[in-house]
């Protein structure tokens, strides 16, 4: 069984940090910790003017890459905010969605035009 299958179907919840329900950042942090041993605690990210400074502060340690590999952060624009998923290969991601987490292509028509970039964690 691929690690991503353990995270499929997790219910969505606004500001969800698990273990029973997640928003996109909550799922991203939980997967990074459980599957890749990367302990991240970004807390609650505010919406609006403060969002950019929070995002910049937590960007350290992440490097933009041309091709996604397992565990990379997939960052997309969603309206005026951001959405994040976990790459499972070069074209698919696991991410929080309503009503539950799914695997989708981040290069396809739904997400491809909103893709901001793919980032690998550099230790």
N, C-alpha and C. Protein backbone atom coordinates (compact mmCIF):
# COMPACT_ATOMS: atom_id res chain seq x y z
N UNK A 1 0.85 -1.18 0.00
CA UNK A 1 0.00 0.00 0.00
C UNK A 1 0.89 1.24 0.00
N UNK A 2 0.58 2.17 -0.87
CA UNK A 2 1.31 3.44 -0.93
C UNK A 2 0.88 4.29 0.28
N UNK A 3 1.82 5.06 0.82
CA UNK A 3 1.52 5.88 2.01
C UNK A 3 0.31 6.78 1.81
N UNK A 4 0.10 7.28 0.59
CA UNK A 4 -0.99 8.23 0.35
C UNK A 4 -2.37 7.62 0.60
N UNK A 5 -2.48 6.31 0.43
CA UNK A 5 -3.78 5.65 0.63
C UNK A 5 -4.26 5.76 2.07
N UNK A 6 -3.33 5.85 3.02
CA UNK A 6 -3.72 5.99 4.43
C UNK A 6 -4.39 7.34 4.71
N UNK A 7 -4.18 8.30 3.83
CA UNK A 7 -4.68 9.66 4.04
C UNK A 7 -5.89 9.99 3.17
N UNK A 8 -6.28 9.09 2.30
CA UNK A 8 -7.45 9.32 1.44
C UNK A 8 -8.74 9.29 2.27
N UNK A 9 -9.65 10.17 1.92
CA UNK A 9 -10.96 10.17 2.57
C UNK A 9 -11.01 10.82 3.94
N UNK A 10 -9.95 11.51 4.35
CA UNK A 10 -9.98 12.22 5.63
C UNK A 10 -10.93 13.41 5.50
N UNK A 11 -11.89 13.55 6.40
CA UNK A 11 -12.85 14.65 6.28
C UNK A 11 -12.18 16.03 6.31
N UNK A 12 -12.79 16.96 5.60
CA UNK A 12 -12.33 18.34 5.57
C UNK A 12 -12.95 19.09 6.75
N UNK A 13 -12.16 19.97 7.37
CA UNK A 13 -12.67 20.88 8.40
C UNK A 13 -11.89 22.18 8.30
N UNK A 14 -12.58 23.30 8.36
CA UNK A 14 -11.93 24.60 8.37
C UNK A 14 -10.99 24.66 9.57
N UNK A 15 -9.75 25.03 9.34
CA UNK A 15 -8.70 25.07 10.36
C UNK A 15 -8.44 23.71 11.01
N UNK A 16 -8.78 22.64 10.29
CA UNK A 16 -8.60 21.29 10.82
C UNK A 16 -7.13 20.91 10.91
N UNK A 17 -6.72 20.46 12.08
CA UNK A 17 -5.34 20.05 12.31
C UNK A 17 -5.24 18.59 12.72
N UNK A 18 -6.32 17.82 12.47
CA UNK A 18 -6.31 16.39 12.71
C UNK A 18 -6.55 16.05 14.17
N UNK A 19 -6.55 14.80 14.50
CA UNK A 19 -6.26 13.68 13.61
C UNK A 19 -7.46 13.20 12.80
N UNK A 20 -8.66 13.71 13.12
CA UNK A 20 -9.85 13.20 12.44
C UNK A 20 -10.27 14.00 11.22
N UNK A 21 -9.93 15.29 11.16
CA UNK A 21 -10.31 16.14 10.03
C UNK A 21 -9.23 17.18 9.80
N UNK A 22 -9.10 17.61 8.54
CA UNK A 22 -8.00 18.49 8.16
C UNK A 22 -8.44 19.56 7.17
N UNK A 23 -7.76 20.71 7.22
CA UNK A 23 -7.76 21.63 6.09
C UNK A 23 -6.48 21.34 5.32
N UNK A 24 -6.19 22.11 4.27
CA UNK A 24 -5.03 21.76 3.43
C UNK A 24 -3.71 21.84 4.18
N UNK A 25 -3.52 22.87 4.99
CA UNK A 25 -2.26 23.01 5.72
C UNK A 25 -2.15 21.94 6.81
N UNK A 26 -3.25 21.65 7.48
CA UNK A 26 -3.24 20.61 8.51
C UNK A 26 -2.88 19.25 7.94
N UNK A 27 -3.44 18.91 6.79
CA UNK A 27 -3.12 17.63 6.15
C UNK A 27 -1.67 17.62 5.70
N UNK A 28 -1.22 18.71 5.11
CA UNK A 28 0.17 18.81 4.66
C UNK A 28 1.13 18.57 5.83
N UNK A 29 0.91 19.25 6.95
CA UNK A 29 1.81 19.10 8.10
C UNK A 29 1.76 17.68 8.67
N UNK A 30 0.56 17.10 8.77
CA UNK A 30 0.43 15.75 9.31
C UNK A 30 1.13 14.72 8.44
N UNK A 31 0.97 14.84 7.12
CA UNK A 31 1.63 13.91 6.19
C UNK A 31 3.14 14.07 6.25
N UNK A 32 3.60 15.31 6.25
CA UNK A 32 5.05 15.54 6.31
C UNK A 32 5.65 14.91 7.57
N UNK A 33 4.95 15.02 8.68
CA UNK A 33 5.44 14.45 9.94
C UNK A 33 5.39 12.92 9.91
N UNK A 34 4.24 12.36 9.60
CA UNK A 34 4.05 10.91 9.68
C UNK A 34 4.80 10.13 8.60
N UNK A 35 4.85 10.68 7.39
CA UNK A 35 5.41 9.92 6.27
C UNK A 35 6.85 10.28 5.94
N UNK A 36 7.26 11.50 6.26
CA UNK A 36 8.59 11.96 5.87
C UNK A 36 9.45 12.42 7.05
N UNK A 37 8.91 12.32 8.26
CA UNK A 37 9.67 12.66 9.46
C UNK A 37 10.00 14.13 9.60
N UNK A 38 9.22 14.97 8.95
CA UNK A 38 9.47 16.41 8.97
C UNK A 38 8.45 17.07 9.90
N UNK A 39 8.91 17.54 11.03
CA UNK A 39 8.02 18.15 12.01
C UNK A 39 7.81 19.62 11.67
N UNK A 40 6.62 19.94 11.22
CA UNK A 40 6.27 21.31 10.85
C UNK A 40 5.14 21.78 11.76
N UNK A 41 5.22 23.01 12.21
CA UNK A 41 4.12 23.58 12.97
C UNK A 41 3.94 25.02 12.52
N UNK A 42 3.09 25.19 11.52
CA UNK A 42 2.85 26.51 10.98
C UNK A 42 1.66 27.17 11.66
N UNK A 43 1.02 26.46 12.59
CA UNK A 43 -0.10 27.03 13.31
C UNK A 43 -1.24 27.40 12.38
N UNK A 44 -1.95 28.44 12.75
CA UNK A 44 -3.06 28.92 11.94
C UNK A 44 -2.57 30.10 11.12
N UNK A 45 -2.72 30.00 9.81
CA UNK A 45 -2.25 31.06 8.92
C UNK A 45 -3.39 32.03 8.68
N UNK A 46 -3.21 33.30 9.05
CA UNK A 46 -4.27 34.28 8.87
C UNK A 46 -4.51 34.59 7.40
N UNK A 47 -5.72 34.96 7.08
CA UNK A 47 -6.06 35.40 5.73
C UNK A 47 -5.91 36.91 5.66
N UNK A 48 -5.63 37.41 4.49
CA UNK A 48 -5.52 38.85 4.33
C UNK A 48 -4.09 39.33 4.26
N UNK A 49 -3.84 40.59 4.65
CA UNK A 49 -2.53 41.21 4.49
C UNK A 49 -1.40 40.47 5.20
N UNK A 50 -1.70 39.85 6.34
CA UNK A 50 -0.65 39.16 7.11
C UNK A 50 -0.24 37.84 6.47
N UNK A 51 -1.07 37.31 5.59
CA UNK A 51 -0.82 35.99 5.01
C UNK A 51 0.53 35.92 4.29
N UNK A 52 0.87 36.95 3.53
CA UNK A 52 2.12 36.95 2.78
C UNK A 52 3.34 36.90 3.68
N UNK A 53 3.31 37.65 4.79
CA UNK A 53 4.47 37.63 5.68
C UNK A 53 4.60 36.29 6.38
N UNK A 54 3.49 35.66 6.71
CA UNK A 54 3.53 34.33 7.33
C UNK A 54 4.09 33.32 6.33
N UNK A 55 3.64 33.38 5.09
CA UNK A 55 4.11 32.46 4.06
C UNK A 55 5.61 32.63 3.84
N UNK A 56 6.08 33.86 3.79
CA UNK A 56 7.51 34.12 3.57
C UNK A 56 8.34 33.59 4.74
N UNK A 57 7.85 33.77 5.95
CA UNK A 57 8.58 33.31 7.14
C UNK A 57 8.75 31.80 7.14
N UNK A 58 7.75 31.07 6.66
CA UNK A 58 7.80 29.61 6.69
C UNK A 58 8.39 29.02 5.41
N UNK A 59 8.77 29.85 4.46
CA UNK A 59 9.33 29.35 3.20
C UNK A 59 10.77 28.90 3.36
N UNK A 60 11.44 29.33 4.42
CA UNK A 60 12.83 28.91 4.59
C UNK A 60 12.88 27.40 4.75
N UNK A 61 13.86 26.80 4.12
CA UNK A 61 13.98 25.35 4.14
C UNK A 61 13.37 24.69 2.92
N UNK A 62 12.57 25.43 2.17
CA UNK A 62 11.92 24.89 0.98
C UNK A 62 12.54 25.54 -0.25
N UNK A 63 12.85 24.71 -1.25
CA UNK A 63 13.46 25.20 -2.48
C UNK A 63 12.59 24.81 -3.67
N UNK A 64 12.34 25.78 -4.52
CA UNK A 64 11.53 25.53 -5.72
C UNK A 64 12.25 24.55 -6.63
N UNK A 65 11.51 23.58 -7.17
CA UNK A 65 12.06 22.57 -8.07
C UNK A 65 11.23 22.52 -9.35
N UNK A 66 11.85 22.02 -10.41
CA UNK A 66 11.15 21.93 -11.69
C UNK A 66 10.23 20.72 -11.78
N UNK A 67 10.62 19.62 -11.13
CA UNK A 67 9.85 18.38 -11.20
C UNK A 67 9.55 17.90 -9.79
N UNK A 68 8.29 17.63 -9.53
CA UNK A 68 7.88 17.16 -8.21
C UNK A 68 8.35 15.73 -7.97
N UNK A 69 8.74 15.47 -6.74
CA UNK A 69 9.01 14.11 -6.28
C UNK A 69 8.17 13.89 -5.03
N UNK A 70 8.09 12.66 -4.60
CA UNK A 70 7.30 12.32 -3.42
C UNK A 70 7.63 13.22 -2.25
N UNK A 71 6.59 13.80 -1.65
CA UNK A 71 6.76 14.63 -0.47
C UNK A 71 6.91 16.11 -0.73
N UNK A 72 7.12 16.50 -1.98
CA UNK A 72 7.23 17.93 -2.29
C UNK A 72 5.94 18.66 -1.94
N UNK A 73 6.09 19.93 -1.61
CA UNK A 73 4.94 20.80 -1.40
C UNK A 73 4.47 21.31 -2.75
N UNK A 74 3.18 21.21 -3.00
CA UNK A 74 2.58 21.72 -4.23
C UNK A 74 1.73 22.92 -3.82
N UNK A 75 2.15 24.11 -4.23
CA UNK A 75 1.50 25.35 -3.82
C UNK A 75 0.70 25.93 -4.98
N UNK A 76 -0.58 26.21 -4.70
CA UNK A 76 -1.47 26.73 -5.72
C UNK A 76 -2.21 27.96 -5.22
N UNK A 77 -2.57 28.84 -6.14
CA UNK A 77 -3.40 29.98 -5.79
C UNK A 77 -4.85 29.51 -5.79
N UNK A 78 -5.57 29.97 -4.79
CA UNK A 78 -6.99 29.62 -4.69
C UNK A 78 -7.73 30.88 -4.30
N UNK A 79 -8.33 31.52 -5.29
CA UNK A 79 -8.95 32.81 -5.03
C UNK A 79 -7.87 33.80 -4.64
N UNK A 80 -8.07 34.48 -3.51
CA UNK A 80 -7.06 35.41 -3.02
C UNK A 80 -6.09 34.75 -2.05
N UNK A 81 -6.31 33.48 -1.77
CA UNK A 81 -5.47 32.76 -0.82
C UNK A 81 -4.62 31.70 -1.50
N UNK A 82 -4.15 30.75 -0.71
CA UNK A 82 -3.27 29.70 -1.18
C UNK A 82 -3.83 28.35 -0.79
N UNK A 83 -3.42 27.34 -1.54
CA UNK A 83 -3.80 25.96 -1.26
C UNK A 83 -2.54 25.12 -1.39
N UNK A 84 -2.38 24.12 -0.52
CA UNK A 84 -1.18 23.30 -0.54
C UNK A 84 -1.54 21.83 -0.53
N UNK A 85 -0.76 21.06 -1.28
CA UNK A 85 -0.92 19.61 -1.32
C UNK A 85 0.44 18.96 -1.20
N UNK A 86 0.44 17.64 -1.10
CA UNK A 86 1.68 16.87 -1.00
C UNK A 86 1.83 16.05 -2.28
N UNK A 87 2.94 16.24 -2.99
CA UNK A 87 3.17 15.49 -4.22
C UNK A 87 3.34 14.01 -3.90
N UNK A 88 2.70 13.16 -4.71
CA UNK A 88 2.94 11.73 -4.58
C UNK A 88 3.76 11.21 -5.75
N UNK A 89 3.86 12.01 -6.79
CA UNK A 89 4.75 11.72 -7.92
C UNK A 89 4.89 13.01 -8.73
N UNK A 90 5.36 12.92 -9.95
CA UNK A 90 5.65 14.11 -10.76
C UNK A 90 4.42 14.88 -11.21
N UNK A 91 3.22 14.31 -11.05
CA UNK A 91 2.04 15.02 -11.54
C UNK A 91 0.82 14.95 -10.63
N UNK A 92 0.87 14.15 -9.57
CA UNK A 92 -0.30 13.99 -8.70
C UNK A 92 0.01 14.42 -7.28
N UNK A 93 -1.04 14.88 -6.60
CA UNK A 93 -0.90 15.32 -5.21
C UNK A 93 -2.04 14.77 -4.38
N UNK A 94 -1.77 14.64 -3.10
CA UNK A 94 -2.77 14.38 -2.09
C UNK A 94 -3.08 15.74 -1.48
N UNK A 95 -4.37 16.05 -1.35
CA UNK A 95 -4.71 17.34 -0.73
C UNK A 95 -6.08 17.28 -0.08
N UNK A 96 -6.30 18.22 0.83
CA UNK A 96 -7.58 18.33 1.52
C UNK A 96 -8.59 18.97 0.58
N UNK A 97 -9.75 18.37 0.50
CA UNK A 97 -10.83 18.89 -0.33
C UNK A 97 -12.14 18.62 0.40
N UNK A 98 -13.18 19.31 -0.02
CA UNK A 98 -14.50 19.04 0.55
C UNK A 98 -15.18 17.98 -0.30
N UNK A 99 -15.71 16.94 0.23
CA UNK A 99 -15.89 16.69 1.66
C UNK A 99 -14.72 15.95 2.31
N UNK A 100 -13.78 15.42 1.49
CA UNK A 100 -12.69 14.62 2.08
C UNK A 100 -11.46 14.66 1.17
N UNK A 101 -10.31 14.30 1.74
CA UNK A 101 -9.04 14.35 1.01
C UNK A 101 -9.04 13.42 -0.21
N UNK A 102 -8.35 13.88 -1.25
CA UNK A 102 -8.33 13.17 -2.54
C UNK A 102 -6.94 13.24 -3.16
N UNK A 103 -6.76 12.43 -4.19
CA UNK A 103 -5.56 12.51 -5.03
C UNK A 103 -6.02 13.04 -6.38
N UNK A 104 -5.35 14.09 -6.85
CA UNK A 104 -5.67 14.70 -8.14
C UNK A 104 -4.39 15.13 -8.83
N UNK A 105 -4.50 15.34 -10.14
CA UNK A 105 -3.37 15.88 -10.90
C UNK A 105 -3.26 17.37 -10.62
N UNK A 106 -2.05 17.83 -10.33
CA UNK A 106 -1.86 19.27 -10.17
C UNK A 106 -1.42 19.91 -11.47
N UNK A 107 -1.28 19.11 -12.52
CA UNK A 107 -0.92 19.64 -13.84
C UNK A 107 -2.13 19.70 -14.77
N UNK A 108 -3.23 19.08 -14.38
CA UNK A 108 -4.43 19.02 -15.21
C UNK A 108 -5.19 20.33 -15.23
N UNK A 109 -6.35 20.33 -15.90
CA UNK A 109 -7.11 21.56 -16.08
C UNK A 109 -7.61 22.20 -14.78
N UNK A 110 -7.92 21.40 -13.78
CA UNK A 110 -8.47 21.97 -12.54
C UNK A 110 -7.43 22.79 -11.78
N UNK A 111 -6.21 22.27 -11.64
CA UNK A 111 -5.20 22.93 -10.81
C UNK A 111 -4.04 23.53 -11.60
N UNK A 112 -3.78 23.04 -12.79
CA UNK A 112 -2.60 23.46 -13.55
C UNK A 112 -2.46 24.96 -13.74
N UNK A 113 -3.56 25.64 -14.02
CA UNK A 113 -3.50 27.08 -14.25
C UNK A 113 -3.31 27.87 -12.95
N UNK A 114 -3.54 27.21 -11.82
CA UNK A 114 -3.38 27.86 -10.52
C UNK A 114 -2.07 27.51 -9.83
N UNK A 115 -1.30 26.62 -10.45
CA UNK A 115 -0.05 26.15 -9.83
C UNK A 115 0.94 27.30 -9.68
N UNK A 116 1.34 27.56 -8.46
CA UNK A 116 2.35 28.59 -8.19
C UNK A 116 3.74 27.97 -8.28
N UNK A 117 3.89 26.75 -7.78
CA UNK A 117 5.18 26.09 -7.83
C UNK A 117 5.21 24.83 -6.99
N UNK A 118 6.30 24.08 -7.17
CA UNK A 118 6.55 22.86 -6.42
C UNK A 118 7.83 23.07 -5.64
N UNK A 119 7.83 22.67 -4.37
CA UNK A 119 8.95 22.94 -3.48
C UNK A 119 9.39 21.68 -2.75
N UNK A 120 10.71 21.47 -2.72
CA UNK A 120 11.29 20.35 -1.98
C UNK A 120 11.93 20.89 -0.71
N UNK A 121 11.84 20.12 0.36
CA UNK A 121 12.46 20.53 1.61
C UNK A 121 13.94 20.18 1.55
N UNK A 122 14.78 21.16 1.84
CA UNK A 122 16.22 20.94 1.86
C UNK A 122 16.68 21.03 3.31
N UNK A 123 17.23 19.99 3.80
CA UNK A 123 17.62 19.89 5.22
C UNK A 123 18.83 20.72 5.53
